[in-house]
Amino acid sequence: DNFITVFLAGMDTTGHLLGLSIYYLWKYPEYVARIKDEAARNGINYDNITIEDLSSLKFLEAFLKEVLRWGTPTINMMPREAKNTHQLADLTILKGTIVNVGINAIGFNELYFDQPYEFRPERFLEEKDDKRSRLPFAHIPFSAGPRHCIGKYLAMIEAKSILLTFLKRFSFTMTNPNYKLTMGTRFLYEPVDPVEIDLTPLE
């Protein structure tokens, strides 16, 4: 059952992450070169990408985290039931109340992220000084705690592998050069209009 959950639930959400990644790479093409350069420096063998290879790609991981900060697909899927009555400042949360986590609100909160409306993957790199972004609950696209997403690591492995291979094999541009990203909630938090691209093979 857990395998089916991981595999099926991860298809749409990982696809969403990859689609948004393509959009942000189109909008900020300097990151295409940076991801490719990092892969070259680490000697990535595209015919046999290993877990160790993927773990070495720190900027790629930071890029994907920033994409998830801007558009995590599961913003309304983390309800929790209060097991006791809690008092948070002037807010009383009664026992039995269903509470949802505002993941987007956290991701754009200046208490945790400098310049939150700037797309800046560098904020997640250790050598940068935005230490607040590495607080354990400042960035939770896969939820957190004992009920966090069981497919978290598989999703990141898939996204890294597919995106690396995609950038190795294709260049791309948006079909509509005037495309404007607007997000909305259907089953997932996702683009209202499809992210459509034109591909050019590189090999």
N, C-alpha and C. Protein backbone atom coordinates (compact mmCIF):
# COMPACT_ATOMS: atom_id res chain seq x y z
N ASP A 1 0.82 -1.20 0.00
CA ASP A 1 0.00 0.00 0.00
C ASP A 1 0.86 1.26 0.00
N ASN A 2 1.93 1.25 0.80
CA ASN A 2 2.79 2.42 0.85
C ASN A 2 3.46 2.67 -0.49
N PHE A 3 3.87 1.58 -1.16
CA PHE A 3 4.50 1.75 -2.48
C PHE A 3 3.53 2.39 -3.46
N ILE A 4 2.28 1.90 -3.47
CA ILE A 4 1.28 2.46 -4.38
C ILE A 4 1.03 3.93 -4.06
N THR A 5 0.97 4.25 -2.77
CA THR A 5 0.78 5.64 -2.35
C THR A 5 1.93 6.51 -2.86
N VAL A 6 3.16 6.06 -2.65
CA VAL A 6 4.32 6.83 -3.08
C VAL A 6 4.32 7.01 -4.59
N PHE A 7 4.07 5.93 -5.31
CA PHE A 7 4.18 5.97 -6.76
C PHE A 7 3.09 6.83 -7.39
N LEU A 8 1.83 6.57 -7.01
CA LEU A 8 0.72 7.28 -7.65
C LEU A 8 0.63 8.72 -7.18
N ALA A 9 0.74 8.95 -5.88
CA ALA A 9 0.63 10.32 -5.37
C ALA A 9 1.79 11.17 -5.86
N GLY A 10 2.93 10.53 -6.10
CA GLY A 10 4.10 11.29 -6.54
C GLY A 10 4.11 11.63 -8.01
N MET A 11 3.24 11.00 -8.81
CA MET A 11 3.26 11.26 -10.25
C MET A 11 2.84 12.70 -10.54
N ASP A 12 1.66 13.10 -10.07
CA ASP A 12 1.16 14.44 -10.36
C ASP A 12 2.01 15.51 -9.68
N THR A 13 2.39 15.28 -8.44
CA THR A 13 3.11 16.30 -7.70
C THR A 13 4.52 16.51 -8.26
N THR A 14 5.21 15.43 -8.62
CA THR A 14 6.55 15.58 -9.20
C THR A 14 6.45 16.18 -10.60
N GLY A 15 5.43 15.78 -11.35
CA GLY A 15 5.21 16.41 -12.65
C GLY A 15 4.96 17.90 -12.53
N HIS A 16 4.22 18.28 -11.51
CA HIS A 16 3.97 19.70 -11.23
C HIS A 16 5.29 20.42 -10.94
N LEU A 17 6.12 19.83 -10.10
CA LEU A 17 7.41 20.43 -9.75
C LEU A 17 8.26 20.62 -11.00
N LEU A 18 8.29 19.62 -11.88
CA LEU A 18 9.09 19.71 -13.09
C LEU A 18 8.53 20.76 -14.06
N GLY A 19 7.21 20.82 -14.18
CA GLY A 19 6.61 21.84 -15.04
C GLY A 19 6.93 23.24 -14.59
N LEU A 20 6.82 23.49 -13.29
CA LEU A 20 7.17 24.82 -12.77
C LEU A 20 8.66 25.09 -12.88
N SER A 21 9.48 24.04 -12.73
CA SER A 21 10.92 24.22 -12.89
C SER A 21 11.26 24.69 -14.30
N ILE A 22 10.60 24.09 -15.30
CA ILE A 22 10.81 24.51 -16.68
C ILE A 22 10.41 25.97 -16.86
N TYR A 23 9.30 26.37 -16.26
CA TYR A 23 8.87 27.76 -16.36
C TYR A 23 9.92 28.70 -15.78
N TYR A 24 10.43 28.39 -14.58
CA TYR A 24 11.38 29.30 -13.95
C TYR A 24 12.74 29.27 -14.65
N LEU A 25 13.09 28.15 -15.28
CA LEU A 25 14.31 28.12 -16.08
C LEU A 25 14.16 28.96 -17.35
N TRP A 26 12.96 28.99 -17.89
CA TRP A 26 12.70 29.88 -19.03
C TRP A 26 12.77 31.35 -18.59
N LYS A 27 12.19 31.63 -17.46
CA LYS A 27 12.16 33.02 -16.98
C LYS A 27 13.53 33.50 -16.54
N TYR A 28 14.33 32.58 -15.98
CA TYR A 28 15.68 32.93 -15.49
C TYR A 28 16.69 31.98 -16.15
N PRO A 29 17.00 32.19 -17.43
CA PRO A 29 17.84 31.24 -18.18
C PRO A 29 19.25 31.11 -17.64
N GLU A 30 19.71 32.05 -16.85
CA GLU A 30 21.04 31.92 -16.26
C GLU A 30 21.16 30.69 -15.37
N TYR A 31 20.02 30.21 -14.88
CA TYR A 31 20.07 29.02 -14.02
C TYR A 31 20.23 27.73 -14.82
N VAL A 32 19.86 27.75 -16.10
CA VAL A 32 20.13 26.59 -16.95
C VAL A 32 21.63 26.35 -17.01
N ALA A 33 22.37 27.42 -17.30
CA ALA A 33 23.84 27.30 -17.38
C ALA A 33 24.44 26.89 -16.05
N ARG A 34 23.89 27.41 -14.98
CA ARG A 34 24.46 27.10 -13.68
C ARG A 34 24.24 25.64 -13.30
N ILE A 35 23.06 25.11 -13.61
CA ILE A 35 22.79 23.70 -13.32
C ILE A 35 23.68 22.80 -14.17
N LYS A 36 23.84 23.14 -15.45
CA LYS A 36 24.69 22.34 -16.33
C LYS A 36 26.16 22.42 -15.89
N ASP A 37 26.59 23.60 -15.51
CA ASP A 37 27.98 23.76 -15.06
C ASP A 37 28.24 22.93 -13.81
N GLU A 38 27.30 22.93 -12.88
CA GLU A 38 27.47 22.14 -11.66
C GLU A 38 27.56 20.66 -11.99
N ALA A 39 26.73 20.19 -12.92
CA ALA A 39 26.78 18.78 -13.32
C ALA A 39 28.12 18.44 -13.96
N ALA A 40 28.63 19.35 -14.79
CA ALA A 40 29.92 19.12 -15.44
C ALA A 40 31.06 19.09 -14.42
N ARG A 41 31.03 19.99 -13.46
CA ARG A 41 32.09 20.04 -12.44
C ARG A 41 32.10 18.76 -11.61
N ASN A 42 30.93 18.17 -11.42
CA ASN A 42 30.84 16.96 -10.61
C ASN A 42 30.96 15.68 -11.44
N GLY A 43 31.26 15.84 -12.72
CA GLY A 43 31.50 14.68 -13.57
C GLY A 43 30.31 13.74 -13.71
N ILE A 44 29.12 14.31 -13.85
CA ILE A 44 27.91 13.49 -13.94
C ILE A 44 27.93 12.66 -15.22
N ASN A 45 27.74 11.37 -15.07
CA ASN A 45 27.59 10.46 -16.20
C ASN A 45 26.09 10.30 -16.47
N TYR A 46 25.61 10.92 -17.51
CA TYR A 46 24.17 10.95 -17.77
C TYR A 46 23.62 9.57 -18.12
N ASP A 47 24.47 8.64 -18.48
CA ASP A 47 24.01 7.28 -18.78
C ASP A 47 23.87 6.43 -17.53
N ASN A 48 24.38 6.94 -16.41
CA ASN A 48 24.32 6.17 -15.16
C ASN A 48 24.36 7.13 -13.97
N ILE A 49 23.29 7.90 -13.81
CA ILE A 49 23.22 8.87 -12.71
C ILE A 49 22.95 8.13 -11.41
N THR A 50 23.79 8.34 -10.42
CA THR A 50 23.66 7.64 -9.14
C THR A 50 23.11 8.57 -8.07
N ILE A 51 22.71 7.98 -6.95
CA ILE A 51 22.25 8.76 -5.81
C ILE A 51 23.37 9.68 -5.33
N GLU A 52 24.60 9.17 -5.34
CA GLU A 52 25.74 9.99 -4.92
C GLU A 52 25.90 11.20 -5.84
N ASP A 53 25.70 10.99 -7.15
CA ASP A 53 25.76 12.10 -8.10
C ASP A 53 24.73 13.17 -7.73
N LEU A 54 23.52 12.73 -7.52
CA LEU A 54 22.44 13.68 -7.23
C LEU A 54 22.68 14.42 -5.93
N SER A 55 23.24 13.73 -4.95
CA SER A 55 23.51 14.37 -3.65
C SER A 55 24.58 15.45 -3.77
N SER A 56 25.42 15.35 -4.78
CA SER A 56 26.51 16.33 -4.94
C SER A 56 26.04 17.62 -5.59
N LEU A 57 24.84 17.64 -6.12
CA LEU A 57 24.35 18.78 -6.89
C LEU A 57 23.58 19.74 -5.98
N LYS A 58 24.32 20.51 -5.21
CA LYS A 58 23.72 21.37 -4.20
C LYS A 58 22.90 22.51 -4.81
N PHE A 59 23.39 23.07 -5.91
CA PHE A 59 22.62 24.17 -6.49
C PHE A 59 21.32 23.66 -7.11
N LEU A 60 21.36 22.50 -7.76
CA LEU A 60 20.14 21.93 -8.33
C LEU A 60 19.10 21.71 -7.24
N GLU A 61 19.53 21.20 -6.09
CA GLU A 61 18.60 21.01 -4.99
C GLU A 61 18.05 22.34 -4.49
N ALA A 62 18.91 23.35 -4.39
CA ALA A 62 18.45 24.67 -3.97
C ALA A 62 17.45 25.25 -4.96
N PHE A 63 17.70 25.03 -6.24
CA PHE A 63 16.78 25.51 -7.27
C PHE A 63 15.41 24.87 -7.10
N LEU A 64 15.37 23.56 -6.92
CA LEU A 64 14.09 22.87 -6.75
C LEU A 64 13.38 23.30 -5.48
N LYS A 65 14.13 23.54 -4.42
CA LYS A 65 13.52 24.04 -3.18
C LYS A 65 12.88 25.41 -3.40
N GLU A 66 13.55 26.25 -4.18
CA GLU A 66 12.99 27.58 -4.44
C GLU A 66 11.74 27.48 -5.30
N VAL A 67 11.73 26.57 -6.27
CA VAL A 67 10.51 26.34 -7.06
C VAL A 67 9.37 25.90 -6.15
N LEU A 68 9.67 24.99 -5.22
CA LEU A 68 8.64 24.53 -4.29
C LEU A 68 8.19 25.63 -3.33
N ARG A 69 9.09 26.52 -2.99
CA ARG A 69 8.69 27.65 -2.14
C ARG A 69 7.66 28.51 -2.86
N TRP A 70 7.86 28.71 -4.15
CA TRP A 70 6.94 29.52 -4.93
C TRP A 70 5.65 28.78 -5.29
N GLY A 71 5.71 27.47 -5.43
CA GLY A 71 4.52 26.78 -5.92
C GLY A 71 4.41 25.35 -5.48
N THR A 72 4.50 25.11 -4.17
CA THR A 72 4.33 23.73 -3.71
C THR A 72 2.92 23.25 -4.07
N PRO A 73 2.79 22.04 -4.59
CA PRO A 73 1.49 21.61 -5.12
C PRO A 73 0.45 21.26 -4.07
N THR A 74 0.86 21.06 -2.82
CA THR A 74 -0.06 20.49 -1.82
C THR A 74 -0.37 21.47 -0.71
N ILE A 75 -0.80 22.68 -1.06
CA ILE A 75 -0.97 23.69 -0.04
C ILE A 75 -2.15 23.42 0.89
N ASN A 76 -3.12 22.62 0.46
CA ASN A 76 -4.32 22.40 1.28
C ASN A 76 -4.48 20.95 1.71
N MET A 77 -3.37 20.23 1.79
CA MET A 77 -3.46 18.80 2.06
C MET A 77 -2.78 18.38 3.35
N MET A 78 -2.67 19.29 4.29
CA MET A 78 -1.98 18.95 5.53
C MET A 78 -2.80 19.29 6.76
N PRO A 79 -4.06 18.94 6.80
CA PRO A 79 -4.86 19.26 7.99
C PRO A 79 -4.40 18.47 9.20
N ARG A 80 -4.51 19.09 10.36
CA ARG A 80 -4.16 18.44 11.62
C ARG A 80 -5.29 18.70 12.62
N GLU A 81 -5.56 17.71 13.46
CA GLU A 81 -6.58 17.87 14.50
C GLU A 81 -5.91 18.20 15.82
N ALA A 82 -6.37 19.25 16.46
CA ALA A 82 -5.83 19.64 17.76
C ALA A 82 -6.25 18.60 18.80
N LYS A 83 -5.28 17.97 19.41
CA LYS A 83 -5.58 16.94 20.41
C LYS A 83 -5.90 17.54 21.77
N ASN A 84 -5.51 18.79 21.96
CA ASN A 84 -5.82 19.53 23.19
C ASN A 84 -6.18 20.96 22.82
N THR A 85 -6.75 21.69 23.73
CA THR A 85 -7.03 23.10 23.52
C THR A 85 -5.73 23.89 23.70
N HIS A 86 -5.46 24.78 22.74
CA HIS A 86 -4.23 25.58 22.77
C HIS A 86 -4.58 27.06 22.75
N GLN A 87 -3.74 27.85 23.38
CA GLN A 87 -3.88 29.31 23.36
C GLN A 87 -2.63 29.87 22.68
N LEU A 88 -2.81 30.46 21.50
CA LEU A 88 -1.72 31.10 20.78
C LEU A 88 -1.99 32.60 20.74
N ALA A 89 -1.28 33.34 21.61
CA ALA A 89 -1.54 34.78 21.77
C ALA A 89 -3.03 34.96 22.09
N ASP A 90 -3.77 35.69 21.23
CA ASP A 90 -5.19 35.91 21.53
C ASP A 90 -6.09 34.93 20.79
N LEU A 91 -5.49 33.90 20.21
CA LEU A 91 -6.26 32.92 19.45
C LEU A 91 -6.41 31.63 20.26
N THR A 92 -7.65 31.19 20.44
CA THR A 92 -7.91 29.93 21.13
C THR A 92 -8.25 28.85 20.10
N ILE A 93 -7.48 27.77 20.13
CA ILE A 93 -7.75 26.62 19.26
C ILE A 93 -8.30 25.51 20.14
N LEU A 94 -9.57 25.21 19.95
CA LEU A 94 -10.23 24.24 20.80
C LEU A 94 -9.85 22.82 20.40
N LYS A 95 -9.84 21.95 21.38
CA LYS A 95 -9.60 20.53 21.14
C LYS A 95 -10.57 20.02 20.07
N GLY A 96 -10.05 19.28 19.11
CA GLY A 96 -10.89 18.74 18.04
C GLY A 96 -10.96 19.63 16.81
N THR A 97 -10.45 20.85 16.89
CA THR A 97 -10.46 21.75 15.74
C THR A 97 -9.50 21.24 14.66
N ILE A 98 -9.93 21.32 13.39
CA ILE A 98 -9.06 20.96 12.28
C ILE A 98 -8.29 22.21 11.86
N VAL A 99 -6.99 22.10 11.86
CA VAL A 99 -6.11 23.23 11.54
C VAL A 99 -5.30 22.88 10.30
N ASN A 100 -5.23 23.79 9.35
CA ASN A 100 -4.41 23.57 8.16
C ASN A 100 -3.19 24.48 8.21
N VAL A 101 -2.13 24.04 7.58
CA VAL A 101 -0.87 24.78 7.60
C VAL A 101 -0.78 25.65 6.36
N GLY A 102 -0.56 26.94 6.54
CA GLY A 102 -0.43 27.87 5.42
C GLY A 102 0.97 27.85 4.84
N ILE A 103 1.25 26.82 4.04
CA ILE A 103 2.61 26.65 3.52
C ILE A 103 3.04 27.84 2.68
N ASN A 104 2.14 28.33 1.82
CA ASN A 104 2.49 29.49 1.00
C ASN A 104 2.75 30.72 1.85
N ALA A 105 1.92 30.90 2.87
CA ALA A 105 2.10 32.06 3.74
C ALA A 105 3.47 32.02 4.43
N ILE A 106 3.88 30.83 4.87
CA ILE A 106 5.20 30.69 5.49
C ILE A 106 6.29 31.00 4.48
N GLY A 107 6.14 30.49 3.25
CA GLY A 107 7.16 30.66 2.23
C GLY A 107 7.39 32.09 1.80
N PHE A 108 6.39 32.95 2.00
CA PHE A 108 6.53 34.35 1.61
C PHE A 108 6.54 35.28 2.82
N ASN A 109 6.86 34.72 3.97
CA ASN A 109 6.91 35.51 5.20
C ASN A 109 8.31 36.08 5.39
N GLU A 110 8.42 37.39 5.51
CA GLU A 110 9.73 38.03 5.66
C GLU A 110 10.42 37.67 6.97
N LEU A 111 9.69 37.10 7.91
CA LEU A 111 10.33 36.63 9.13
C LEU A 111 11.31 35.49 8.84
N TYR A 112 11.05 34.76 7.75
CA TYR A 112 11.86 33.58 7.45
C TYR A 112 12.67 33.70 6.17
N PHE A 113 12.24 34.57 5.26
CA PHE A 113 12.93 34.68 3.97
C PHE A 113 13.15 36.15 3.62
N ASP A 114 14.40 36.51 3.41
CA ASP A 114 14.70 37.85 2.91
C ASP A 114 14.20 37.98 1.48
N GLN A 115 13.61 39.12 1.17
CA GLN A 115 13.11 39.39 -0.18
C GLN A 115 12.31 38.19 -0.71
N PRO A 116 11.22 37.84 -0.04
CA PRO A 116 10.51 36.61 -0.38
C PRO A 116 9.91 36.59 -1.77
N TYR A 117 9.68 37.76 -2.38
CA TYR A 117 9.09 37.80 -3.71
C TYR A 117 10.14 37.85 -4.81
N GLU A 118 11.37 37.58 -4.45
CA GLU A 118 12.45 37.44 -5.42
C GLU A 118 12.77 35.96 -5.58
N PHE A 119 12.81 35.48 -6.82
CA PHE A 119 13.17 34.09 -7.07
C PHE A 119 14.69 33.98 -6.94
N ARG A 120 15.14 33.35 -5.86
CA ARG A 120 16.57 33.32 -5.56
C ARG A 120 16.95 31.99 -4.92
N PRO A 121 17.30 30.98 -5.72
CA PRO A 121 17.67 29.68 -5.15
C PRO A 121 18.85 29.74 -4.20
N GLU A 122 19.70 30.73 -4.38
CA GLU A 122 20.89 30.84 -3.53
C GLU A 122 20.56 30.94 -2.05
N ARG A 123 19.34 31.32 -1.73
CA ARG A 123 18.97 31.47 -0.32
C ARG A 123 19.07 30.13 0.43
N PHE A 124 19.01 29.02 -0.30
CA PHE A 124 19.04 27.71 0.34
C PHE A 124 20.45 27.11 0.41
N LEU A 125 21.44 27.81 -0.07
CA LEU A 125 22.80 27.30 -0.02
C LEU A 125 23.46 27.67 1.30
N GLU A 126 24.19 26.76 1.86
CA GLU A 126 24.76 26.96 3.21
C GLU A 126 25.69 28.16 3.28
N GLU A 127 26.38 28.45 2.19
CA GLU A 127 27.36 29.54 2.27
C GLU A 127 26.69 30.91 2.27
N LYS A 128 25.39 30.94 1.99
CA LYS A 128 24.68 32.21 2.04
C LYS A 128 24.27 32.51 3.48
N ASP A 129 23.92 33.76 3.74
CA ASP A 129 23.69 34.17 5.13
C ASP A 129 22.20 34.20 5.51
N ASP A 130 21.33 33.74 4.64
CA ASP A 130 19.90 33.73 4.97
C ASP A 130 19.58 32.49 5.81
N LYS A 131 20.10 32.47 7.04
CA LYS A 131 20.01 31.28 7.88
C LYS A 131 18.58 30.96 8.28
N ARG A 132 17.72 31.96 8.28
CA ARG A 132 16.34 31.72 8.70
C ARG A 132 15.64 30.75 7.76
N SER A 133 16.04 30.75 6.47
CA SER A 133 15.39 29.86 5.50
C SER A 133 15.70 28.40 5.78
N ARG A 134 16.65 28.14 6.68
CA ARG A 134 16.98 26.76 7.00
C ARG A 134 16.41 26.35 8.36
N LEU A 135 15.54 27.18 8.95
CA LEU A 135 14.83 26.75 10.15
C LEU A 135 13.97 25.54 9.78
N PRO A 136 13.83 24.57 10.67
CA PRO A 136 13.21 23.29 10.29
C PRO A 136 11.79 23.38 9.76
N PHE A 137 11.02 24.40 10.17
CA PHE A 137 9.65 24.49 9.71
C PHE A 137 9.39 25.73 8.86
N ALA A 138 10.46 26.35 8.36
CA ALA A 138 10.30 27.50 7.47
C ALA A 138 10.01 27.06 6.04
N HIS A 139 10.44 25.86 5.70
CA HIS A 139 10.24 25.37 4.32
C HIS A 139 9.75 23.93 4.42
N ILE A 140 8.44 23.74 4.25
CA ILE A 140 7.86 22.40 4.45
C ILE A 140 6.94 22.01 3.29
N PRO A 141 7.45 21.97 2.06
CA PRO A 141 6.59 21.59 0.94
C PRO A 141 6.09 20.16 1.03
N PHE A 142 6.79 19.32 1.82
CA PHE A 142 6.38 17.92 1.99
C PHE A 142 5.78 17.69 3.38
N SER A 143 5.32 18.77 4.01
CA SER A 143 4.85 18.71 5.38
C SER A 143 6.05 18.41 6.30
N ALA A 144 5.78 18.05 7.54
CA ALA A 144 6.86 17.85 8.51
C ALA A 144 6.35 16.97 9.64
N GLY A 145 7.28 16.48 10.43
CA GLY A 145 6.91 15.65 11.56
C GLY A 145 6.66 14.21 11.16
N PRO A 146 6.05 13.43 12.06
CA PRO A 146 5.87 11.99 11.80
C PRO A 146 4.95 11.68 10.63
N ARG A 147 4.15 12.65 10.18
CA ARG A 147 3.24 12.41 9.06
C ARG A 147 3.66 13.17 7.81
N HIS A 148 4.95 13.44 7.68
CA HIS A 148 5.41 14.10 6.46
C HIS A 148 5.27 13.14 5.27
N CYS A 149 5.37 13.69 4.07
CA CYS A 149 5.18 12.90 2.85
C CYS A 149 6.18 11.76 2.77
N ILE A 150 5.68 10.54 2.61
CA ILE A 150 6.57 9.39 2.57
C ILE A 150 7.32 9.30 1.24
N GLY A 151 6.88 10.09 0.25
CA GLY A 151 7.55 10.08 -1.04
C GLY A 151 8.52 11.24 -1.23
N LYS A 152 8.82 11.95 -0.15
CA LYS A 152 9.66 13.15 -0.24
C LYS A 152 10.97 12.89 -0.97
N TYR A 153 11.70 11.87 -0.54
CA TYR A 153 13.04 11.65 -1.10
C TYR A 153 12.95 11.10 -2.52
N LEU A 154 11.97 10.24 -2.77
CA LEU A 154 11.79 9.73 -4.12
C LEU A 154 11.44 10.87 -5.08
N ALA A 155 10.59 11.79 -4.64
CA ALA A 155 10.20 12.91 -5.50
C ALA A 155 11.41 13.76 -5.89
N MET A 156 12.29 14.03 -4.94
CA MET A 156 13.46 14.85 -5.24
C MET A 156 14.44 14.09 -6.14
N ILE A 157 14.59 12.79 -5.93
CA ILE A 157 15.45 11.98 -6.80
C ILE A 157 14.91 12.00 -8.23
N GLU A 158 13.60 11.79 -8.37
CA GLU A 158 13.00 11.81 -9.70
C GLU A 158 13.16 13.18 -10.36
N ALA A 159 12.85 14.23 -9.62
CA ALA A 159 12.91 15.57 -10.20
C ALA A 159 14.33 15.92 -10.64
N LYS A 160 15.31 15.63 -9.81
CA LYS A 160 16.70 15.93 -10.18
C LYS A 160 17.12 15.15 -11.42
N SER A 161 16.83 13.85 -11.43
CA SER A 161 17.25 13.00 -12.55
C SER A 161 16.60 13.44 -13.85
N ILE A 162 15.30 13.67 -13.81
CA ILE A 162 14.57 14.03 -15.03
C ILE A 162 14.99 15.40 -15.53
N LEU A 163 15.14 16.36 -14.63
CA LEU A 163 15.52 17.71 -15.05
C LEU A 163 16.93 17.74 -15.63
N LEU A 164 17.85 17.01 -15.00
CA LEU A 164 19.21 16.94 -15.54
C LEU A 164 19.21 16.36 -16.95
N THR A 165 18.51 15.26 -17.14
CA THR A 165 18.47 14.60 -18.44
C THR A 165 17.79 15.49 -19.48
N PHE A 166 16.73 16.15 -19.06
CA PHE A 166 16.01 17.07 -19.96
C PHE A 166 16.94 18.18 -20.45
N LEU A 167 17.67 18.82 -19.54
CA LEU A 167 18.55 19.92 -19.92
C LEU A 167 19.74 19.45 -20.75
N LYS A 168 20.14 18.20 -20.57
CA LYS A 168 21.21 17.63 -21.37
C LYS A 168 20.77 17.43 -22.81
N ARG A 169 19.51 17.05 -23.01
CA ARG A 169 19.04 16.63 -24.34
C ARG A 169 18.32 17.70 -25.13
N PHE A 170 17.80 18.73 -24.43
CA PHE A 170 16.95 19.70 -25.13
C PHE A 170 17.27 21.14 -24.71
N SER A 171 17.09 22.04 -25.65
CA SER A 171 16.87 23.44 -25.32
C SER A 171 15.38 23.69 -25.51
N PHE A 172 14.87 24.75 -24.96
CA PHE A 172 13.42 24.94 -25.00
C PHE A 172 13.08 26.42 -24.89
N THR A 173 11.89 26.74 -25.30
CA THR A 173 11.33 28.06 -25.10
C THR A 173 9.83 27.90 -24.91
N MET A 174 9.21 28.90 -24.35
CA MET A 174 7.76 28.84 -24.16
C MET A 174 7.07 28.99 -25.50
N THR A 175 6.03 28.20 -25.73
CA THR A 175 5.25 28.30 -26.96
C THR A 175 4.66 29.70 -27.08
N ASN A 176 4.20 30.22 -25.98
CA ASN A 176 3.69 31.60 -25.94
C ASN A 176 4.75 32.47 -25.26
N PRO A 177 5.48 33.30 -26.02
CA PRO A 177 6.54 34.11 -25.41
C PRO A 177 6.02 35.15 -24.43
N ASN A 178 4.72 35.38 -24.43
CA ASN A 178 4.12 36.35 -23.50
C ASN A 178 3.41 35.66 -22.34
N TYR A 179 3.74 34.39 -22.13
CA TYR A 179 3.08 33.62 -21.08
C TYR A 179 3.26 34.28 -19.71
N LYS A 180 2.17 34.38 -18.97
CA LYS A 180 2.19 34.90 -17.61
C LYS A 180 1.70 33.80 -16.67
N LEU A 181 2.50 33.47 -15.69
CA LEU A 181 2.14 32.41 -14.75
C LEU A 181 1.11 32.91 -13.76
N THR A 182 -0.02 32.22 -13.71
CA THR A 182 -1.04 32.47 -12.70
C THR A 182 -1.35 31.14 -12.04
N MET A 183 -1.29 31.11 -10.71
CA MET A 183 -1.51 29.87 -9.98
C MET A 183 -2.94 29.82 -9.45
N GLY A 184 -3.48 28.62 -9.40
CA GLY A 184 -4.81 28.42 -8.86
C GLY A 184 -4.90 27.04 -8.24
N THR A 185 -5.95 26.81 -7.48
CA THR A 185 -6.13 25.54 -6.79
C THR A 185 -7.22 24.72 -7.44
N ARG A 186 -6.83 23.57 -7.97
CA ARG A 186 -7.79 22.55 -8.38
C ARG A 186 -7.56 21.40 -7.42
N PHE A 187 -7.18 20.24 -7.93
CA PHE A 187 -6.77 19.18 -6.99
C PHE A 187 -5.45 19.58 -6.33
N LEU A 188 -4.55 20.15 -7.13
CA LEU A 188 -3.27 20.68 -6.65
C LEU A 188 -3.25 22.19 -6.82
N TYR A 189 -2.29 22.82 -6.20
CA TYR A 189 -2.01 24.23 -6.46
C TYR A 189 -1.12 24.25 -7.69
N GLU A 190 -1.62 24.77 -8.79
CA GLU A 190 -0.98 24.56 -10.08
C GLU A 190 -1.25 25.72 -11.03
N PRO A 191 -0.50 25.79 -12.15
CA PRO A 191 -0.76 26.85 -13.12
C PRO A 191 -2.19 26.77 -13.67
N VAL A 192 -2.85 27.93 -13.76
CA VAL A 192 -4.19 27.97 -14.34
C VAL A 192 -4.12 27.62 -15.82
N ASP A 193 -3.13 28.17 -16.53
CA ASP A 193 -2.91 27.87 -17.94
C ASP A 193 -1.71 26.95 -18.07
N PRO A 194 -1.78 25.94 -18.94
CA PRO A 194 -0.68 24.98 -19.06
C PRO A 194 0.64 25.65 -19.41
N VAL A 195 1.73 25.09 -18.89
CA VAL A 195 3.07 25.52 -19.26
C VAL A 195 3.46 24.74 -20.51
N GLU A 196 3.31 25.36 -21.68
CA GLU A 196 3.57 24.70 -22.95
C GLU A 196 4.90 25.18 -23.52
N ILE A 197 5.72 24.24 -23.97
CA ILE A 197 7.05 24.59 -24.44
C ILE A 197 7.33 23.98 -25.81
N ASP A 198 8.25 24.60 -26.54
CA ASP A 198 8.77 24.06 -27.80
C ASP A 198 10.18 23.54 -27.54
N LEU A 199 10.46 22.31 -27.99
CA LEU A 199 11.74 21.66 -27.72
C LEU A 199 12.62 21.65 -28.97
N THR A 200 13.92 21.78 -28.74
CA THR A 200 14.92 21.61 -29.78
C THR A 200 15.95 20.61 -29.28
N PRO A 201 16.10 19.44 -29.96
CA PRO A 201 17.09 18.46 -29.51
C PRO A 201 18.51 19.03 -29.58
N LEU A 202 19.31 18.70 -28.58
CA LEU A 202 20.70 19.15 -28.55
C LEU A 202 21.66 18.10 -29.06
N GLU A 203 21.22 16.84 -29.15
CA GLU A 203 22.09 15.76 -29.60
C GLU A 203 21.45 15.02 -30.77
